């Protein structure tokens, strides 16, 4: 039977560290409510779109909403694994992480219901690479943490969740989607919501950089696991982009979204975080905090 041998709050208190500072940020910045967005103009915009434009919005939104539901469903094993290590500051932040993923799911579900008329066949837009990541790799890697909390298992899970799903696909998709809608003067409520979602995701990715950097600092050989997992999944992440754009002539959507814009942004963000985590070898925990703060800036 599991027992507690003591508590941080009665043995010196919570430790000032990057995850605790993320927790403070989340309390200040992550309290927006999906039900407060007024989709009146978004509905008018939807009615003005032609069939191809609607299909494009449904295609992209289907990737977002299913992805947010997937990460909401699959996050809990990471919370459990961190809690079992007694890392209370990290667990405090992860409670907000799960809360925010749930809100993202709610927001996109509401948009599809109130603006797009509740389409029920959106899985047709889930291309093979998307299914590999979200239907197979993400749940399998996260569920493994229920029985294996080794540094290697944590590293594989965080690469899958934070670096690939969020750091490549979500961040790239939200950035490009928001820029395109805003440039065309469309969907003002959705655009406003995307700003909040992007801010949440930036904290999630920053935590992933921190976690992976901490693991590498503690056990330098874990870098090999991280590097292998990144190289294994990054082609699928780019595959999501290329396979989604194959349906558009010249790789350009009706709203001006271009394949090259997605691919270049994704590759740049991936490379930046790859380099930051690789530098964690031989670093102290204080130095890891600094690397993570740089990501969150």
Protein backbone atom coordinates (compact mmCIF):
# COMPACT_ATOMS: atom_id res chain seq x y z
CA UNK A 1 0.00 0.00 0.00
CA UNK A 2 1.32 3.45 -0.93
CA UNK A 3 2.08 5.79 1.96
CA UNK A 4 3.41 9.33 2.28
CA UNK A 5 6.67 9.81 4.14
CA UNK A 6 6.27 13.58 4.39
CA UNK A 7 5.03 16.71 2.66
CA UNK A 8 6.87 19.54 0.93
CA UNK A 9 4.64 22.22 2.44
CA UNK A 10 5.58 21.18 6.00
CA UNK A 11 9.26 20.64 5.24
CA UNK A 12 10.39 24.00 3.89
CA UNK A 13 7.56 24.89 1.53
CA UNK A 14 7.20 24.96 -2.21
CA UNK A 15 10.40 25.45 -4.21
CA UNK A 16 10.73 28.49 -6.46
CA UNK A 17 11.26 26.89 -9.87
CA UNK A 18 10.15 27.23 -13.46
CA UNK A 19 7.09 24.91 -13.19
CA UNK A 20 5.80 26.90 -10.21
CA UNK A 21 6.24 30.12 -12.16
CA UNK A 22 4.32 28.56 -15.06
CA UNK A 23 1.58 27.72 -12.56
CA UNK A 24 1.43 31.38 -11.52
CA UNK A 25 1.24 32.45 -15.17
CA UNK A 26 -1.54 29.98 -15.86
CA UNK A 27 -3.60 31.37 -13.00
CA UNK A 28 -3.26 34.88 -14.43
CA UNK A 29 -3.53 34.19 -18.14
CA UNK A 30 -5.38 30.90 -18.52
CA UNK A 31 -8.74 31.84 -17.01
CA UNK A 32 -10.55 32.76 -20.24
CA UNK A 33 -13.90 31.05 -20.76
CA UNK A 34 -14.90 29.40 -24.08
CA UNK A 35 -18.58 30.28 -23.56
CA UNK A 36 -17.92 34.04 -23.59
CA UNK A 37 -17.00 34.28 -27.27
CA UNK A 38 -19.76 35.71 -29.44
CA UNK A 39 -19.92 33.78 -32.72
CA UNK A 40 -22.56 36.01 -34.34
CA UNK A 41 -20.21 37.50 -36.95
CA UNK A 42 -18.48 34.15 -37.41
CA UNK A 43 -21.85 32.65 -38.42
CA UNK A 44 -22.38 35.46 -40.93
CA UNK A 45 -18.92 34.85 -42.33
CA UNK A 46 -19.63 31.13 -42.60
CA UNK A 47 -22.79 31.79 -44.60
CA UNK A 48 -20.80 33.93 -47.04
CA UNK A 49 -18.24 31.22 -47.83
CA UNK A 50 -18.34 28.97 -50.87
CA UNK A 51 -18.19 25.18 -50.60
CA UNK A 52 -14.42 24.87 -50.97
CA UNK A 53 -13.82 27.56 -48.35
CA UNK A 54 -16.13 25.80 -45.90
CA UNK A 55 -14.44 22.48 -46.56
CA UNK A 56 -11.08 24.09 -45.86
CA UNK A 57 -12.21 25.48 -42.50
CA UNK A 58 -13.81 22.15 -41.59
CA UNK A 59 -10.65 20.28 -42.56
CA UNK A 60 -8.35 22.42 -40.43
CA UNK A 61 -10.77 22.66 -37.52
CA UNK A 62 -11.25 18.89 -37.51
CA UNK A 63 -7.50 18.48 -36.91
CA UNK A 64 -7.60 20.98 -34.06
CA UNK A 65 -10.68 19.72 -32.26
CA UNK A 66 -9.74 16.03 -32.43
CA UNK A 67 -6.18 16.86 -31.45
CA UNK A 68 -7.34 18.83 -28.41
CA UNK A 69 -9.70 16.04 -27.38
CA UNK A 70 -6.88 13.52 -27.77
CA UNK A 71 -4.44 15.43 -25.59
CA UNK A 72 -7.17 15.98 -22.98
CA UNK A 73 -7.84 12.24 -22.90
CA UNK A 74 -4.17 11.25 -22.88
CA UNK A 75 -2.55 13.72 -20.47
CA UNK A 76 -3.54 12.13 -17.15
CA UNK A 77 -0.80 9.42 -17.09
CA UNK A 78 1.85 12.16 -17.20
CA UNK A 79 0.22 13.91 -14.24
CA UNK A 80 0.19 10.60 -12.34
CA UNK A 81 3.84 9.87 -13.18
CA UNK A 82 4.99 13.31 -12.01
CA UNK A 83 2.87 13.05 -8.85
CA UNK A 84 4.39 9.68 -8.00
CA UNK A 85 7.83 11.32 -8.07
CA UNK A 86 6.65 13.86 -5.49
CA UNK A 87 7.31 16.80 -7.78
CA UNK A 88 4.50 18.91 -6.35
CA UNK A 89 5.45 22.12 -8.18
CA UNK A 90 5.28 20.36 -11.54
CA UNK A 91 2.02 18.67 -10.60
CA UNK A 92 0.51 22.03 -9.63
CA UNK A 93 1.24 23.32 -13.11
CA UNK A 94 -0.04 20.17 -14.79
CA UNK A 95 -3.44 20.64 -13.12
CA UNK A 96 -3.83 23.83 -15.15
CA UNK A 97 -2.48 22.06 -18.24
CA UNK A 98 -5.34 19.55 -18.21
CA UNK A 99 -7.89 22.30 -17.47
CA UNK A 100 -6.70 24.28 -20.49
CA UNK A 101 -6.72 21.33 -22.88
CA UNK A 102 -10.33 20.73 -21.88
CA UNK A 103 -11.21 24.35 -22.65
CA UNK A 104 -9.63 24.13 -26.08
CA UNK A 105 -11.75 21.05 -26.81
CA UNK A 106 -14.86 22.88 -25.65
CA UNK A 107 -14.08 25.97 -27.74
CA UNK A 108 -13.66 24.13 -31.04
CA UNK A 109 -16.64 21.89 -30.35
CA UNK A 110 -18.76 24.98 -29.73
CA UNK A 111 -17.51 26.61 -32.95
CA UNK A 112 -18.40 23.55 -35.00
CA UNK A 113 -21.85 23.34 -33.42
CA UNK A 114 -22.83 27.01 -33.47
CA UNK A 115 -21.09 28.18 -36.64
CA UNK A 116 -20.67 25.15 -38.91
CA UNK A 117 -23.94 23.38 -38.07
CA UNK A 118 -22.60 20.33 -36.20
CA UNK A 119 -21.00 18.30 -39.01
CA UNK A 120 -20.59 14.67 -37.97
CA UNK A 121 -18.18 13.22 -40.54
CA UNK A 122 -15.02 15.20 -39.85
CA UNK A 123 -12.80 12.17 -39.39
CA UNK A 124 -12.65 12.01 -43.19
CA UNK A 125 -10.09 14.82 -42.96
CA UNK A 126 -7.75 12.83 -40.73
CA UNK A 127 -4.94 11.89 -43.09
CA UNK A 128 -2.76 8.79 -42.47
CA UNK A 129 0.08 10.62 -40.71
CA UNK A 130 -2.42 12.34 -38.43
CA UNK A 131 -3.94 8.98 -37.50
CA UNK A 132 -0.50 7.54 -36.78
CA UNK A 133 0.25 10.30 -34.28
CA UNK A 134 -3.11 10.92 -32.63
CA UNK A 135 -4.85 7.56 -32.92
CA UNK A 136 -1.80 5.38 -32.20
CA UNK A 137 1.44 6.93 -31.00
CA UNK A 138 0.10 9.52 -28.55
CA UNK A 139 -2.24 7.25 -26.54
CA UNK A 140 0.20 4.31 -26.54
CA UNK A 141 3.15 6.42 -25.38
CA UNK A 142 1.18 8.20 -22.68
CA UNK A 143 -0.56 5.06 -21.39
CA UNK A 144 2.81 3.39 -20.93
CA UNK A 145 3.48 5.85 -18.08
CA UNK A 146 0.86 4.05 -15.98
CA UNK A 147 3.24 1.10 -15.67
CA UNK A 148 6.64 2.59 -16.60
CA UNK A 149 7.77 5.90 -15.10
CA UNK A 150 11.41 5.57 -16.09
CA UNK A 151 13.22 8.60 -17.46
CA UNK A 152 13.17 6.97 -20.89
CA UNK A 153 9.39 6.51 -20.84
CA UNK A 154 8.87 10.10 -19.61
CA UNK A 155 11.15 11.37 -22.35
CA UNK A 156 9.29 9.51 -25.10
CA UNK A 157 5.95 10.72 -23.75
CA UNK A 158 7.03 14.36 -23.50
CA UNK A 159 8.58 14.36 -26.98
CA UNK A 160 5.35 12.93 -28.40
CA UNK A 161 3.03 15.25 -26.51
CA UNK A 162 4.94 18.51 -26.01
CA UNK A 163 7.43 18.59 -28.87
CA UNK A 164 5.52 16.94 -31.74
CA UNK A 165 1.80 17.30 -31.04
CA UNK A 166 2.03 20.75 -29.47
CA UNK A 167 5.42 22.13 -30.50
CA UNK A 168 5.12 21.24 -34.18
CA UNK A 169 1.51 20.55 -35.12
CA UNK A 170 -0.58 22.70 -32.77
CA UNK A 171 1.70 25.72 -32.67
CA UNK A 172 2.22 25.70 -36.44
CA UNK A 173 -1.45 25.15 -37.17
CA UNK A 174 -2.75 27.81 -34.81
CA UNK A 175 -0.21 30.39 -35.95
CA UNK A 176 -0.94 29.93 -39.65
CA UNK A 177 -4.71 29.51 -39.22
CA UNK A 178 -5.00 32.69 -37.16
CA UNK A 179 -2.85 34.71 -39.56
CA UNK A 180 -4.89 33.57 -42.54
CA UNK A 181 -8.32 34.26 -41.02
CA UNK A 182 -7.23 37.63 -39.67
CA UNK A 183 -5.72 38.67 -43.01
CA UNK A 184 -9.04 37.89 -44.71
CA UNK A 185 -11.13 39.63 -42.04
CA UNK A 186 -12.93 36.39 -41.15
CA UNK A 187 -14.18 34.72 -37.98
CA UNK A 188 -13.31 37.42 -35.40
CA UNK A 189 -14.44 35.40 -32.38
CA UNK A 190 -12.49 32.33 -33.47
CA UNK A 191 -9.45 34.54 -34.10
CA UNK A 192 -9.71 35.96 -30.58
CA UNK A 193 -10.01 32.47 -29.14
CA UNK A 194 -6.96 31.33 -31.09
CA UNK A 195 -4.91 34.06 -29.42
CA UNK A 196 -5.84 32.63 -26.01
CA UNK A 197 -5.20 29.05 -27.13
CA UNK A 198 -1.79 29.95 -28.55
CA UNK A 199 -0.84 31.57 -25.23
CA UNK A 200 -1.86 28.42 -23.36
CA UNK A 201 0.06 26.21 -25.76
CA UNK A 202 3.21 28.28 -25.34
CA UNK A 203 3.20 27.43 -21.63
CA UNK A 204 2.60 23.74 -22.37
CA UNK A 205 5.53 23.63 -24.78
CA UNK A 206 7.74 25.53 -22.33
CA UNK A 207 7.00 22.90 -19.70
CA UNK A 208 7.94 20.18 -22.17
CA UNK A 209 11.28 21.87 -22.86
CA UNK A 210 11.83 22.11 -19.09
CA UNK A 211 10.90 18.48 -18.43
CA UNK A 212 13.05 17.09 -21.22
CA UNK A 213 15.95 19.35 -20.27
CA UNK A 214 15.67 18.23 -16.63
CA UNK A 215 15.69 14.59 -17.66
CA UNK A 216 18.79 15.11 -19.81
CA UNK A 217 20.57 17.03 -17.05
CA UNK A 218 19.84 14.25 -14.57
CA UNK A 219 20.69 11.41 -16.96
CA UNK A 220 22.67 12.56 -20.03
CA UNK A 221 22.07 9.24 -21.82
CA UNK A 222 18.36 10.14 -22.04
CA UNK A 223 19.28 12.54 -24.83
CA UNK A 224 19.71 9.56 -27.14
CA UNK A 225 16.11 8.50 -26.40
CA UNK A 226 14.84 12.02 -27.03
CA UNK A 227 16.77 12.40 -30.26
CA UNK A 228 15.57 9.04 -31.57
CA UNK A 229 11.94 9.80 -30.73
CA UNK A 230 12.11 13.22 -32.38
CA UNK A 231 13.59 11.77 -35.54
CA UNK A 232 11.00 8.99 -35.51
CA UNK A 233 7.96 11.27 -35.24
CA UNK A 234 8.98 14.45 -37.05
CA UNK A 235 8.42 12.93 -40.53
CA UNK A 236 4.85 12.06 -39.48
CA UNK A 237 4.33 15.62 -38.25
CA UNK A 238 5.41 17.00 -41.61
CA UNK A 239 3.29 14.31 -43.22
CA UNK A 240 0.20 15.72 -41.54
CA UNK A 241 0.94 19.04 -43.24
CA UNK A 242 1.83 17.70 -46.69
CA UNK A 243 -1.00 15.16 -46.81
CA UNK A 244 -3.54 17.80 -45.74
CA UNK A 245 -2.39 20.23 -48.44
CA UNK A 246 -2.38 17.65 -51.22
CA UNK A 247 -6.07 18.34 -51.81
CA UNK A 248 -5.37 21.96 -52.78
CA UNK A 249 -4.09 22.94 -56.20
CA UNK A 250 -0.55 24.27 -55.93
CA UNK A 251 -0.52 23.62 -52.19
CA UNK A 252 -2.42 26.84 -51.43
CA UNK A 253 -5.80 26.96 -49.65
CA UNK A 254 -8.61 29.39 -50.63
CA UNK A 255 -7.53 31.59 -47.69
CA UNK A 256 -3.93 31.91 -48.79
CA UNK A 257 -2.47 29.30 -46.47
CA UNK A 258 0.56 27.78 -48.17
CA UNK A 259 2.22 24.43 -47.60
CA UNK A 260 5.63 26.07 -47.44
CA UNK A 261 4.47 28.44 -44.68
CA UNK A 262 3.40 25.53 -42.48
CA UNK A 263 6.45 23.40 -43.23
CA UNK A 264 9.01 26.18 -42.78
CA UNK A 265 7.50 27.38 -39.49
CA UNK A 266 7.24 23.84 -38.13
CA UNK A 267 10.83 22.99 -39.06
CA UNK A 268 12.18 26.20 -37.51
CA UNK A 269 10.35 25.72 -34.21
CA UNK A 270 11.36 22.06 -34.05
CA UNK A 271 15.01 22.91 -34.64
CA UNK A 272 15.05 25.64 -32.02
CA UNK A 273 13.74 23.36 -29.27
CA UNK A 274 15.90 20.45 -30.38
CA UNK A 275 18.96 22.66 -29.85
CA UNK A 276 17.80 23.94 -26.45
CA UNK A 277 17.18 20.48 -25.07
CA UNK A 278 20.47 19.16 -26.44
CA UNK A 279 22.30 21.86 -24.47
CA UNK A 280 20.93 20.52 -21.16
CA UNK A 281 23.62 17.84 -20.89
CA UNK A 282 25.88 18.66 -17.96
CA UNK A 283 23.74 21.58 -16.80
CA UNK A 284 22.55 22.27 -13.23
CA UNK A 285 18.88 22.58 -12.30
CA UNK A 286 19.31 26.36 -12.09
CA UNK A 287 20.67 26.41 -15.62
CA UNK A 288 17.75 24.24 -16.78
CA UNK A 289 15.39 26.85 -15.32
CA UNK A 290 17.15 29.48 -17.44
CA UNK A 291 16.82 27.40 -20.62
CA UNK A 292 13.12 26.98 -19.93
CA UNK A 293 12.64 30.68 -19.20
CA UNK A 294 14.19 31.42 -22.59
CA UNK A 295 11.60 29.17 -24.26
CA UNK A 296 8.75 30.87 -22.39
CA UNK A 297 9.91 34.42 -23.17
